[in-house]
Amino acid sequence: MEPIKINPSKTAFVSIDLQKGILGFPTLPHSPQEVVKNAKSLADDLRSKGGFVVWVRVAMAKDGKDRLDIPCDSPMAMKSLPPDWSEISSDLDIQPGDHIVTKKQWGAFYGTDLELQLRRRNLDTIILGGIATCFGVESTARAAYELGFRQIFAQDAMSCLSVESHEHALARVFPRMGHVRSVAEILSALK
């Protein structure tokens, strides 16, 4: 793969669902702890170079009335959630200049202020990571592509419920919307 260059002042790191309730699930090929560690490295480095950091979480009303409830063959089994379920991991060391987006479905753009926050800052590039690769990350990536954002996918700052699902997105979906790179490659491209 050819090396990429990333202008930090035009870039946001958007991290999907690194919150207490989701970090408790087993993920592959990277553990939730690895994903958090790599996401923190990306956020710290980009922030120090003038980039923008966005932490996305999913949260529902206590009564559950704002949950998307469409009949399907394999519904998500989420009856009642603990009170701290949507709290973003404290290991990420969120800073005052970071932005938090609360979503109600898989993708981070629909029904949120994410696009507004990126456009008002004149950002055109998104580094994307989070859990799960084939749900929240991919849904956000598809919307970002349709909105015209350049994308860089941090392959080891995301993970999924299975290796196959993760690898499918990295090999078949994301290369059609941007660049797939390791955290190390992204950090070296942030100049």
N, C-alpha and C. Protein backbone atom coordinates (compact mmCIF):
# COMPACT_ATOMS: atom_id res chain seq x y z
N MET A 1 0.83 -1.19 0.00
CA MET A 1 0.00 0.00 0.00
C MET A 1 0.87 1.25 0.00
N GLU A 2 0.40 2.22 -0.71
CA GLU A 2 1.18 3.45 -0.78
C GLU A 2 1.01 4.26 0.50
N PRO A 3 2.06 4.94 0.91
CA PRO A 3 1.98 5.78 2.12
C PRO A 3 0.96 6.91 1.92
N ILE A 4 0.36 7.32 3.01
CA ILE A 4 -0.59 8.43 2.95
C ILE A 4 -0.06 9.58 3.79
N LYS A 5 -0.56 10.78 3.50
CA LYS A 5 -0.23 11.96 4.30
C LYS A 5 -1.54 12.47 4.87
N ILE A 6 -1.50 12.86 6.13
CA ILE A 6 -2.70 13.35 6.80
C ILE A 6 -2.41 14.73 7.37
N ASN A 7 -3.23 15.70 7.02
CA ASN A 7 -3.12 17.05 7.56
C ASN A 7 -3.95 17.10 8.85
N PRO A 8 -3.32 17.13 10.01
CA PRO A 8 -4.08 17.10 11.27
C PRO A 8 -5.11 18.22 11.40
N SER A 9 -4.81 19.39 10.86
CA SER A 9 -5.74 20.52 11.02
C SER A 9 -7.02 20.35 10.19
N LYS A 10 -7.05 19.36 9.30
CA LYS A 10 -8.23 19.08 8.49
C LYS A 10 -8.86 17.74 8.85
N THR A 11 -8.44 17.17 10.00
CA THR A 11 -8.78 15.79 10.32
C THR A 11 -9.44 15.64 11.68
N ALA A 12 -10.41 14.71 11.73
CA ALA A 12 -11.04 14.32 13.00
C ALA A 12 -10.84 12.82 13.19
N PHE A 13 -10.57 12.44 14.42
CA PHE A 13 -10.62 11.03 14.79
C PHE A 13 -12.01 10.80 15.37
N VAL A 14 -12.77 9.91 14.75
CA VAL A 14 -14.12 9.59 15.20
C VAL A 14 -14.11 8.15 15.70
N SER A 15 -14.34 7.99 16.99
CA SER A 15 -14.30 6.69 17.63
C SER A 15 -15.70 6.26 18.03
N ILE A 16 -16.10 5.08 17.61
CA ILE A 16 -17.46 4.60 17.77
C ILE A 16 -17.61 3.66 18.97
N ASP A 17 -18.48 4.01 19.89
CA ASP A 17 -19.01 3.13 20.94
C ASP A 17 -17.99 2.49 21.88
N LEU A 18 -16.95 3.22 22.23
CA LEU A 18 -16.01 2.70 23.23
C LEU A 18 -16.53 3.08 24.61
N GLN A 19 -17.62 2.45 24.96
CA GLN A 19 -18.36 2.75 26.18
C GLN A 19 -18.47 1.49 27.03
N LYS A 20 -18.74 1.69 28.31
CA LYS A 20 -18.74 0.59 29.27
C LYS A 20 -19.58 -0.61 28.84
N GLY A 21 -20.79 -0.37 28.38
CA GLY A 21 -21.68 -1.47 28.03
C GLY A 21 -21.22 -2.28 26.85
N ILE A 22 -20.53 -1.67 25.92
CA ILE A 22 -20.08 -2.38 24.72
C ILE A 22 -18.70 -2.98 24.93
N LEU A 23 -17.87 -2.34 25.72
CA LEU A 23 -16.53 -2.87 25.97
C LEU A 23 -16.56 -4.16 26.79
N GLY A 24 -17.71 -4.51 27.33
CA GLY A 24 -17.85 -5.75 28.08
C GLY A 24 -18.05 -6.98 27.20
N PHE A 25 -18.30 -6.78 25.90
CA PHE A 25 -18.49 -7.90 24.99
C PHE A 25 -17.13 -8.37 24.47
N PRO A 26 -16.98 -9.66 24.21
CA PRO A 26 -15.73 -10.13 23.59
C PRO A 26 -15.71 -9.72 22.12
N THR A 27 -14.56 -9.26 21.64
CA THR A 27 -14.42 -8.86 20.24
C THR A 27 -13.20 -9.53 19.62
N LEU A 28 -13.23 -9.63 18.30
CA LEU A 28 -12.14 -10.24 17.54
C LEU A 28 -11.88 -9.41 16.29
N PRO A 29 -10.72 -9.33 15.77
CA PRO A 29 -9.51 -9.99 16.23
C PRO A 29 -8.79 -9.24 17.35
N HIS A 30 -9.25 -8.04 17.67
CA HIS A 30 -8.61 -7.24 18.72
C HIS A 30 -9.52 -7.19 19.94
N SER A 31 -8.94 -7.31 21.11
CA SER A 31 -9.72 -7.22 22.34
C SER A 31 -10.19 -5.78 22.54
N PRO A 32 -11.26 -5.59 23.32
CA PRO A 32 -11.69 -4.22 23.63
C PRO A 32 -10.57 -3.39 24.23
N GLN A 33 -9.73 -4.01 25.06
CA GLN A 33 -8.62 -3.28 25.69
C GLN A 33 -7.61 -2.79 24.65
N GLU A 34 -7.32 -3.63 23.65
CA GLU A 34 -6.41 -3.21 22.56
C GLU A 34 -7.00 -2.05 21.77
N VAL A 35 -8.29 -2.14 21.48
CA VAL A 35 -8.96 -1.09 20.71
C VAL A 35 -8.91 0.23 21.48
N VAL A 36 -9.20 0.19 22.78
CA VAL A 36 -9.15 1.40 23.60
C VAL A 36 -7.74 1.97 23.63
N LYS A 37 -6.74 1.12 23.81
CA LYS A 37 -5.34 1.59 23.85
C LYS A 37 -4.97 2.27 22.53
N ASN A 38 -5.32 1.64 21.41
CA ASN A 38 -4.99 2.22 20.11
C ASN A 38 -5.79 3.49 19.82
N ALA A 39 -7.05 3.50 20.23
CA ALA A 39 -7.87 4.71 20.04
C ALA A 39 -7.29 5.87 20.85
N LYS A 40 -6.85 5.60 22.06
CA LYS A 40 -6.26 6.65 22.89
C LYS A 40 -4.99 7.20 22.24
N SER A 41 -4.17 6.31 21.69
CA SER A 41 -2.94 6.76 21.00
C SER A 41 -3.27 7.69 19.83
N LEU A 42 -4.25 7.30 19.03
CA LEU A 42 -4.66 8.14 17.90
C LEU A 42 -5.20 9.48 18.37
N ALA A 43 -6.08 9.44 19.36
CA ALA A 43 -6.68 10.68 19.87
C ALA A 43 -5.62 11.61 20.44
N ASP A 44 -4.74 11.08 21.26
CA ASP A 44 -3.70 11.91 21.88
C ASP A 44 -2.80 12.56 20.84
N ASP A 45 -2.38 11.76 19.85
CA ASP A 45 -1.46 12.29 18.84
C ASP A 45 -2.16 13.32 17.95
N LEU A 46 -3.34 13.00 17.48
CA LEU A 46 -4.05 13.94 16.61
C LEU A 46 -4.37 15.24 17.35
N ARG A 47 -4.84 15.12 18.58
CA ARG A 47 -5.18 16.30 19.40
C ARG A 47 -3.95 17.18 19.58
N SER A 48 -2.79 16.56 19.85
CA SER A 48 -1.56 17.33 20.09
C SER A 48 -1.09 18.07 18.84
N LYS A 49 -1.57 17.64 17.68
CA LYS A 49 -1.18 18.27 16.42
C LYS A 49 -2.27 19.16 15.84
N GLY A 50 -3.29 19.46 16.66
CA GLY A 50 -4.32 20.39 16.23
C GLY A 50 -5.55 19.76 15.60
N GLY A 51 -5.66 18.43 15.64
CA GLY A 51 -6.83 17.76 15.09
C GLY A 51 -7.98 17.74 16.08
N PHE A 52 -9.11 17.24 15.63
CA PHE A 52 -10.35 17.21 16.41
C PHE A 52 -10.67 15.77 16.78
N VAL A 53 -11.11 15.55 18.01
CA VAL A 53 -11.42 14.20 18.49
C VAL A 53 -12.89 14.13 18.84
N VAL A 54 -13.55 13.09 18.32
CA VAL A 54 -14.98 12.88 18.55
C VAL A 54 -15.18 11.48 19.12
N TRP A 55 -15.86 11.43 20.26
CA TRP A 55 -16.22 10.16 20.89
C TRP A 55 -17.71 9.96 20.70
N VAL A 56 -18.07 8.86 20.05
CA VAL A 56 -19.47 8.56 19.77
C VAL A 56 -19.92 7.45 20.70
N ARG A 57 -21.11 7.62 21.24
CA ARG A 57 -21.69 6.58 22.10
C ARG A 57 -23.15 6.40 21.70
N VAL A 58 -23.67 5.26 22.06
CA VAL A 58 -25.08 5.00 21.84
C VAL A 58 -25.75 5.00 23.22
N ALA A 59 -26.87 5.69 23.31
CA ALA A 59 -27.61 5.75 24.58
C ALA A 59 -29.09 5.82 24.27
N MET A 60 -29.86 5.21 25.13
CA MET A 60 -31.31 5.19 24.96
C MET A 60 -31.99 5.78 26.19
N ALA A 61 -33.21 6.25 25.99
CA ALA A 61 -34.00 6.75 27.12
C ALA A 61 -34.30 5.59 28.08
N LYS A 62 -34.48 5.91 29.34
CA LYS A 62 -34.74 4.87 30.35
C LYS A 62 -35.95 4.01 30.00
N ASP A 63 -36.96 4.63 29.40
CA ASP A 63 -38.15 3.87 29.05
C ASP A 63 -38.00 3.10 27.73
N GLY A 64 -36.89 3.30 27.03
CA GLY A 64 -36.62 2.58 25.79
C GLY A 64 -37.45 3.00 24.60
N LYS A 65 -38.22 4.05 24.74
CA LYS A 65 -39.13 4.46 23.67
C LYS A 65 -38.40 5.04 22.45
N ASP A 66 -37.14 5.43 22.62
CA ASP A 66 -36.41 5.99 21.48
C ASP A 66 -35.54 4.94 20.78
N ARG A 67 -35.68 3.69 21.14
CA ARG A 67 -34.94 2.62 20.47
C ARG A 67 -35.56 2.31 19.13
N LEU A 68 -34.71 2.04 18.15
CA LEU A 68 -35.17 1.59 16.86
C LEU A 68 -35.66 0.16 17.03
N ASP A 69 -36.89 -0.10 16.65
CA ASP A 69 -37.49 -1.42 16.87
C ASP A 69 -38.18 -1.87 15.58
N ILE A 70 -37.39 -2.44 14.70
CA ILE A 70 -37.90 -2.90 13.41
C ILE A 70 -37.83 -4.42 13.40
N PRO A 71 -38.90 -5.09 12.98
CA PRO A 71 -38.87 -6.55 12.93
C PRO A 71 -37.74 -7.05 12.03
N CYS A 72 -36.97 -8.01 12.54
CA CYS A 72 -35.88 -8.60 11.78
C CYS A 72 -35.64 -10.02 12.26
N ASP A 73 -34.84 -10.77 11.52
CA ASP A 73 -34.59 -12.17 11.85
C ASP A 73 -33.66 -12.35 13.05
N SER A 74 -32.82 -11.38 13.31
CA SER A 74 -31.86 -11.51 14.41
C SER A 74 -31.79 -10.19 15.20
N PRO A 75 -32.82 -9.91 16.00
CA PRO A 75 -32.83 -8.63 16.73
C PRO A 75 -31.78 -8.60 17.83
N MET A 76 -31.35 -7.39 18.14
CA MET A 76 -30.43 -7.19 19.27
C MET A 76 -31.19 -7.45 20.56
N ALA A 77 -30.62 -8.24 21.44
CA ALA A 77 -31.27 -8.57 22.70
C ALA A 77 -30.82 -7.58 23.77
N MET A 78 -31.52 -6.46 23.86
CA MET A 78 -31.16 -5.43 24.82
C MET A 78 -32.41 -4.99 25.56
N LYS A 79 -32.68 -5.64 26.65
CA LYS A 79 -33.89 -5.33 27.41
C LYS A 79 -33.66 -4.14 28.33
N SER A 80 -32.95 -4.36 29.41
CA SER A 80 -32.70 -3.26 30.34
C SER A 80 -31.19 -3.07 30.48
N LEU A 81 -30.77 -1.83 30.45
CA LEU A 81 -29.35 -1.52 30.47
C LEU A 81 -28.96 -0.93 31.82
N PRO A 82 -27.77 -1.27 32.32
CA PRO A 82 -27.31 -0.66 33.56
C PRO A 82 -27.14 0.85 33.39
N PRO A 83 -27.21 1.61 34.47
CA PRO A 83 -27.15 3.07 34.38
C PRO A 83 -25.87 3.61 33.74
N ASP A 84 -24.75 2.92 33.87
CA ASP A 84 -23.48 3.42 33.32
C ASP A 84 -23.16 2.82 31.95
N TRP A 85 -24.10 2.15 31.33
CA TRP A 85 -23.89 1.43 30.07
C TRP A 85 -23.32 2.34 28.99
N SER A 86 -23.77 3.58 28.90
CA SER A 86 -23.35 4.47 27.81
C SER A 86 -22.16 5.36 28.16
N GLU A 87 -21.58 5.20 29.34
CA GLU A 87 -20.42 6.02 29.73
C GLU A 87 -19.20 5.61 28.92
N ILE A 88 -18.56 6.59 28.29
CA ILE A 88 -17.35 6.34 27.53
C ILE A 88 -16.23 5.95 28.49
N SER A 89 -15.42 5.00 28.08
CA SER A 89 -14.34 4.48 28.93
C SER A 89 -13.44 5.62 29.44
N SER A 90 -13.21 5.62 30.73
CA SER A 90 -12.33 6.63 31.34
C SER A 90 -10.88 6.43 30.90
N ASP A 91 -10.54 5.23 30.39
CA ASP A 91 -9.18 4.97 29.91
C ASP A 91 -8.83 5.81 28.68
N LEU A 92 -9.83 6.40 28.04
CA LEU A 92 -9.59 7.20 26.84
C LEU A 92 -9.16 8.62 27.16
N ASP A 93 -9.30 9.03 28.42
CA ASP A 93 -8.84 10.34 28.87
C ASP A 93 -9.41 11.48 28.02
N ILE A 94 -10.72 11.56 27.98
CA ILE A 94 -11.40 12.59 27.20
C ILE A 94 -10.97 13.97 27.70
N GLN A 95 -10.71 14.86 26.75
CA GLN A 95 -10.24 16.20 27.06
C GLN A 95 -11.36 17.23 26.82
N PRO A 96 -11.27 18.40 27.45
CA PRO A 96 -12.31 19.42 27.30
C PRO A 96 -12.63 19.81 25.86
N GLY A 97 -11.65 19.81 24.96
CA GLY A 97 -11.90 20.19 23.57
C GLY A 97 -12.49 19.08 22.71
N ASP A 98 -12.58 17.87 23.26
CA ASP A 98 -13.17 16.75 22.51
C ASP A 98 -14.68 16.94 22.43
N HIS A 99 -15.28 16.30 21.46
CA HIS A 99 -16.73 16.39 21.28
C HIS A 99 -17.34 15.00 21.49
N ILE A 100 -18.47 14.96 22.18
CA ILE A 100 -19.19 13.70 22.39
C ILE A 100 -20.48 13.74 21.60
N VAL A 101 -20.69 12.70 20.82
CA VAL A 101 -21.91 12.53 20.03
C VAL A 101 -22.69 11.38 20.64
N THR A 102 -23.97 11.61 20.88
CA THR A 102 -24.84 10.54 21.36
C THR A 102 -25.80 10.17 20.25
N LYS A 103 -25.75 8.91 19.86
CA LYS A 103 -26.60 8.42 18.77
C LYS A 103 -27.63 7.45 19.30
N LYS A 104 -28.61 7.13 18.47
CA LYS A 104 -29.70 6.24 18.85
C LYS A 104 -29.76 4.99 17.97
N GLN A 105 -28.84 4.85 17.04
CA GLN A 105 -28.80 3.73 16.12
C GLN A 105 -27.35 3.43 15.79
N TRP A 106 -27.08 2.61 14.79
CA TRP A 106 -25.71 2.21 14.50
C TRP A 106 -24.84 3.37 14.03
N GLY A 107 -25.29 4.12 13.04
CA GLY A 107 -24.47 5.16 12.44
C GLY A 107 -24.41 6.43 13.28
N ALA A 108 -23.27 7.12 13.20
CA ALA A 108 -23.04 8.31 14.02
C ALA A 108 -23.52 9.60 13.38
N PHE A 109 -23.96 9.58 12.13
CA PHE A 109 -24.40 10.82 11.48
C PHE A 109 -25.89 11.07 11.62
N TYR A 110 -26.70 10.05 11.41
CA TYR A 110 -28.15 10.24 11.39
C TYR A 110 -28.68 10.72 12.74
N GLY A 111 -29.36 11.86 12.73
CA GLY A 111 -29.99 12.37 13.95
C GLY A 111 -29.03 12.97 14.97
N THR A 112 -27.77 13.23 14.57
CA THR A 112 -26.80 13.82 15.50
C THR A 112 -26.22 15.10 14.89
N ASP A 113 -25.33 15.75 15.64
CA ASP A 113 -24.68 16.96 15.13
C ASP A 113 -23.28 16.69 14.58
N LEU A 114 -22.96 15.43 14.28
CA LEU A 114 -21.61 15.10 13.84
C LEU A 114 -21.21 15.84 12.56
N GLU A 115 -22.04 15.80 11.54
CA GLU A 115 -21.68 16.50 10.30
C GLU A 115 -21.51 17.99 10.54
N LEU A 116 -22.39 18.59 11.30
CA LEU A 116 -22.30 20.02 11.62
C LEU A 116 -20.97 20.34 12.30
N GLN A 117 -20.58 19.54 13.28
CA GLN A 117 -19.33 19.78 14.01
C GLN A 117 -18.12 19.68 13.08
N LEU A 118 -18.14 18.73 12.17
CA LEU A 118 -17.02 18.56 11.23
C LEU A 118 -16.99 19.70 10.21
N ARG A 119 -18.13 20.04 9.64
CA ARG A 119 -18.19 21.09 8.60
C ARG A 119 -17.84 22.46 9.17
N ARG A 120 -18.33 22.77 10.37
CA ARG A 120 -18.04 24.09 10.97
C ARG A 120 -16.56 24.27 11.25
N ARG A 121 -15.85 23.17 11.42
CA ARG A 121 -14.41 23.23 11.67
C ARG A 121 -13.62 23.08 10.37
N ASN A 122 -14.33 23.02 9.24
CA ASN A 122 -13.70 22.85 7.92
C ASN A 122 -12.84 21.60 7.83
N LEU A 123 -13.32 20.53 8.42
CA LEU A 123 -12.61 19.25 8.37
C LEU A 123 -13.10 18.44 7.18
N ASP A 124 -12.17 17.79 6.50
CA ASP A 124 -12.57 16.99 5.34
C ASP A 124 -12.14 15.52 5.44
N THR A 125 -11.42 15.18 6.50
CA THR A 125 -10.89 13.83 6.65
C THR A 125 -11.29 13.25 8.00
N ILE A 126 -11.66 11.98 7.98
CA ILE A 126 -12.03 11.28 9.21
C ILE A 126 -11.15 10.05 9.35
N ILE A 127 -10.54 9.90 10.51
CA ILE A 127 -9.91 8.64 10.90
C ILE A 127 -10.97 7.92 11.72
N LEU A 128 -11.30 6.70 11.34
CA LEU A 128 -12.42 6.01 11.96
C LEU A 128 -11.98 4.74 12.66
N GLY A 129 -12.54 4.52 13.86
CA GLY A 129 -12.29 3.30 14.62
C GLY A 129 -13.45 3.04 15.55
N GLY A 130 -13.38 1.96 16.31
CA GLY A 130 -14.41 1.68 17.30
C GLY A 130 -14.91 0.24 17.26
N ILE A 131 -15.99 0.03 17.97
CA ILE A 131 -16.62 -1.29 18.07
C ILE A 131 -18.10 -1.11 17.79
N ALA A 132 -18.64 -1.84 16.90
CA ALA A 132 -18.12 -2.97 16.17
C ALA A 132 -17.89 -2.58 14.71
N THR A 133 -16.83 -3.16 14.15
CA THR A 133 -16.43 -2.86 12.79
C THR A 133 -17.60 -2.94 11.82
N CYS A 134 -18.36 -4.03 11.90
CA CYS A 134 -19.41 -4.29 10.90
C CYS A 134 -20.76 -3.68 11.26
N PHE A 135 -20.86 -2.98 12.37
CA PHE A 135 -22.12 -2.33 12.73
C PHE A 135 -21.91 -0.81 12.76
N GLY A 136 -21.55 -0.27 13.90
CA GLY A 136 -21.43 1.17 14.06
C GLY A 136 -20.36 1.81 13.19
N VAL A 137 -19.20 1.16 13.08
CA VAL A 137 -18.12 1.73 12.28
C VAL A 137 -18.52 1.74 10.80
N GLU A 138 -18.99 0.60 10.30
CA GLU A 138 -19.34 0.53 8.88
C GLU A 138 -20.52 1.44 8.54
N SER A 139 -21.52 1.51 9.40
CA SER A 139 -22.66 2.40 9.14
C SER A 139 -22.22 3.86 9.08
N THR A 140 -21.35 4.24 10.00
CA THR A 140 -20.81 5.61 10.01
C THR A 140 -19.97 5.86 8.76
N ALA A 141 -19.16 4.88 8.36
CA ALA A 141 -18.31 5.02 7.18
C ALA A 141 -19.13 5.21 5.92
N ARG A 142 -20.21 4.45 5.79
CA ARG A 142 -21.04 4.57 4.59
C ARG A 142 -21.66 5.98 4.50
N ALA A 143 -22.13 6.49 5.62
CA ALA A 143 -22.71 7.84 5.63
C ALA A 143 -21.64 8.89 5.34
N ALA A 144 -20.46 8.74 5.94
CA ALA A 144 -19.37 9.70 5.71
C ALA A 144 -18.97 9.71 4.23
N TYR A 145 -18.93 8.55 3.62
CA TYR A 145 -18.60 8.46 2.20
C TYR A 145 -19.64 9.21 1.36
N GLU A 146 -20.91 8.97 1.66
CA GLU A 146 -21.98 9.64 0.92
C GLU A 146 -21.97 11.16 1.13
N LEU A 147 -21.43 11.60 2.27
CA LEU A 147 -21.33 13.03 2.55
C LEU A 147 -20.05 13.65 2.00
N GLY A 148 -19.19 12.84 1.42
CA GLY A 148 -17.99 13.35 0.76
C GLY A 148 -16.76 13.50 1.63
N PHE A 149 -16.72 12.87 2.79
CA PHE A 149 -15.53 12.93 3.66
C PHE A 149 -14.49 11.93 3.20
N ARG A 150 -13.23 12.33 3.23
CA ARG A 150 -12.11 11.39 3.04
C ARG A 150 -12.04 10.54 4.30
N GLN A 151 -11.70 9.26 4.14
CA GLN A 151 -11.67 8.39 5.31
C GLN A 151 -10.41 7.54 5.37
N ILE A 152 -9.94 7.36 6.59
CA ILE A 152 -8.83 6.47 6.89
C ILE A 152 -9.33 5.54 7.99
N PHE A 153 -9.25 4.25 7.74
CA PHE A 153 -9.78 3.26 8.68
C PHE A 153 -8.63 2.66 9.49
N ALA A 154 -8.68 2.87 10.79
CA ALA A 154 -7.64 2.38 11.70
C ALA A 154 -7.93 0.91 12.03
N GLN A 155 -7.36 0.01 11.25
CA GLN A 155 -7.73 -1.40 11.32
C GLN A 155 -7.52 -2.05 12.67
N ASP A 156 -6.56 -1.57 13.45
CA ASP A 156 -6.34 -2.16 14.77
C ASP A 156 -6.85 -1.26 15.90
N ALA A 157 -7.66 -0.26 15.54
CA ALA A 157 -8.38 0.53 16.54
C ALA A 157 -9.87 0.28 16.38
N MET A 158 -10.18 -0.90 15.80
CA MET A 158 -11.57 -1.34 15.68
C MET A 158 -11.58 -2.86 15.78
N SER A 159 -12.75 -3.38 16.12
CA SER A 159 -12.89 -4.83 16.23
C SER A 159 -14.36 -5.18 16.09
N CYS A 160 -14.64 -6.47 15.98
CA CYS A 160 -16.00 -6.91 15.69
C CYS A 160 -16.36 -8.13 16.53
N LEU A 161 -17.49 -8.73 16.24
CA LEU A 161 -17.94 -9.92 16.96
C LEU A 161 -17.29 -11.18 16.43
N SER A 162 -16.74 -11.11 15.21
CA SER A 162 -16.02 -12.25 14.64
C SER A 162 -14.91 -11.73 13.74
N VAL A 163 -13.88 -12.55 13.57
CA VAL A 163 -12.77 -12.18 12.69
C VAL A 163 -13.28 -12.02 11.26
N GLU A 164 -14.19 -12.92 10.85
CA GLU A 164 -14.69 -12.89 9.49
C GLU A 164 -15.42 -11.57 9.18
N SER A 165 -16.25 -11.12 10.09
CA SER A 165 -16.97 -9.86 9.88
C SER A 165 -16.01 -8.67 9.82
N HIS A 166 -15.04 -8.66 10.71
CA HIS A 166 -14.04 -7.60 10.74
C HIS A 166 -13.25 -7.58 9.42
N GLU A 167 -12.75 -8.74 9.03
CA GLU A 167 -11.93 -8.83 7.83
C GLU A 167 -12.71 -8.51 6.57
N HIS A 168 -13.98 -8.88 6.54
CA HIS A 168 -14.81 -8.57 5.38
C HIS A 168 -14.88 -7.05 5.17
N ALA A 169 -15.15 -6.31 6.23
CA ALA A 169 -15.23 -4.85 6.11
C ALA A 169 -13.88 -4.27 5.67
N LEU A 170 -12.78 -4.77 6.26
CA LEU A 170 -11.46 -4.23 5.93
C LEU A 170 -11.03 -4.56 4.51
N ALA A 171 -11.41 -5.73 4.01
CA ALA A 171 -10.96 -6.17 2.70
C ALA A 171 -11.91 -5.79 1.58
N ARG A 172 -13.21 -5.75 1.85
CA ARG A 172 -14.19 -5.60 0.78
C ARG A 172 -14.95 -4.27 0.79
N VAL A 173 -15.17 -3.69 1.95
CA VAL A 173 -16.01 -2.50 2.04
C VAL A 173 -15.17 -1.22 2.17
N PHE A 174 -14.34 -1.15 3.19
CA PHE A 174 -13.61 0.08 3.47
C PHE A 174 -12.65 0.53 2.35
N PRO A 175 -11.95 -0.38 1.64
CA PRO A 175 -11.06 0.08 0.57
C PRO A 175 -11.79 0.81 -0.55
N ARG A 176 -13.10 0.64 -0.66
CA ARG A 176 -13.87 1.34 -1.68
C ARG A 176 -14.28 2.75 -1.22
N MET A 177 -14.03 3.05 0.06
CA MET A 177 -14.42 4.35 0.61
C MET A 177 -13.25 5.15 1.13
N GLY A 178 -12.06 4.55 1.22
CA GLY A 178 -10.92 5.27 1.77
C GLY A 178 -9.70 4.37 1.87
N HIS A 179 -8.86 4.66 2.85
CA HIS A 179 -7.61 3.93 3.06
C HIS A 179 -7.69 3.13 4.36
N VAL A 180 -7.28 1.88 4.30
CA VAL A 180 -7.21 1.02 5.48
C VAL A 180 -5.74 0.97 5.90
N ARG A 181 -5.47 1.39 7.13
CA ARG A 181 -4.10 1.42 7.62
C ARG A 181 -4.05 1.04 9.10
N SER A 182 -2.88 0.63 9.54
CA SER A 182 -2.68 0.34 10.97
C SER A 182 -2.53 1.66 11.73
N VAL A 183 -2.69 1.58 13.04
CA VAL A 183 -2.50 2.77 13.88
C VAL A 183 -1.08 3.30 13.70
N ALA A 184 -0.09 2.42 13.66
CA ALA A 184 1.31 2.85 13.47
C ALA A 184 1.47 3.63 12.17
N GLU A 185 0.86 3.15 11.09
CA GLU A 185 0.96 3.85 9.80
C GLU A 185 0.25 5.20 9.86
N ILE A 186 -0.87 5.26 10.53
CA ILE A 186 -1.61 6.52 10.65
C ILE A 186 -0.80 7.52 11.47
N LEU A 187 -0.24 7.07 12.58
CA LEU A 187 0.56 7.97 13.43
C LEU A 187 1.75 8.53 12.65
N SER A 188 2.38 7.72 11.82
CA SER A 188 3.53 8.23 11.05
C SER A 188 3.09 9.16 9.93
N ALA A 189 1.83 9.04 9.49
CA ALA A 189 1.32 9.92 8.42
C ALA A 189 0.80 11.25 8.96
N LEU A 190 0.62 11.36 10.26
CA LEU A 190 0.15 12.61 10.88
C LEU A 190 1.32 13.56 11.07
N LYS A 191 1.56 14.37 10.09
CA LYS A 191 2.71 15.28 10.14
C LYS A 191 2.26 16.72 10.27
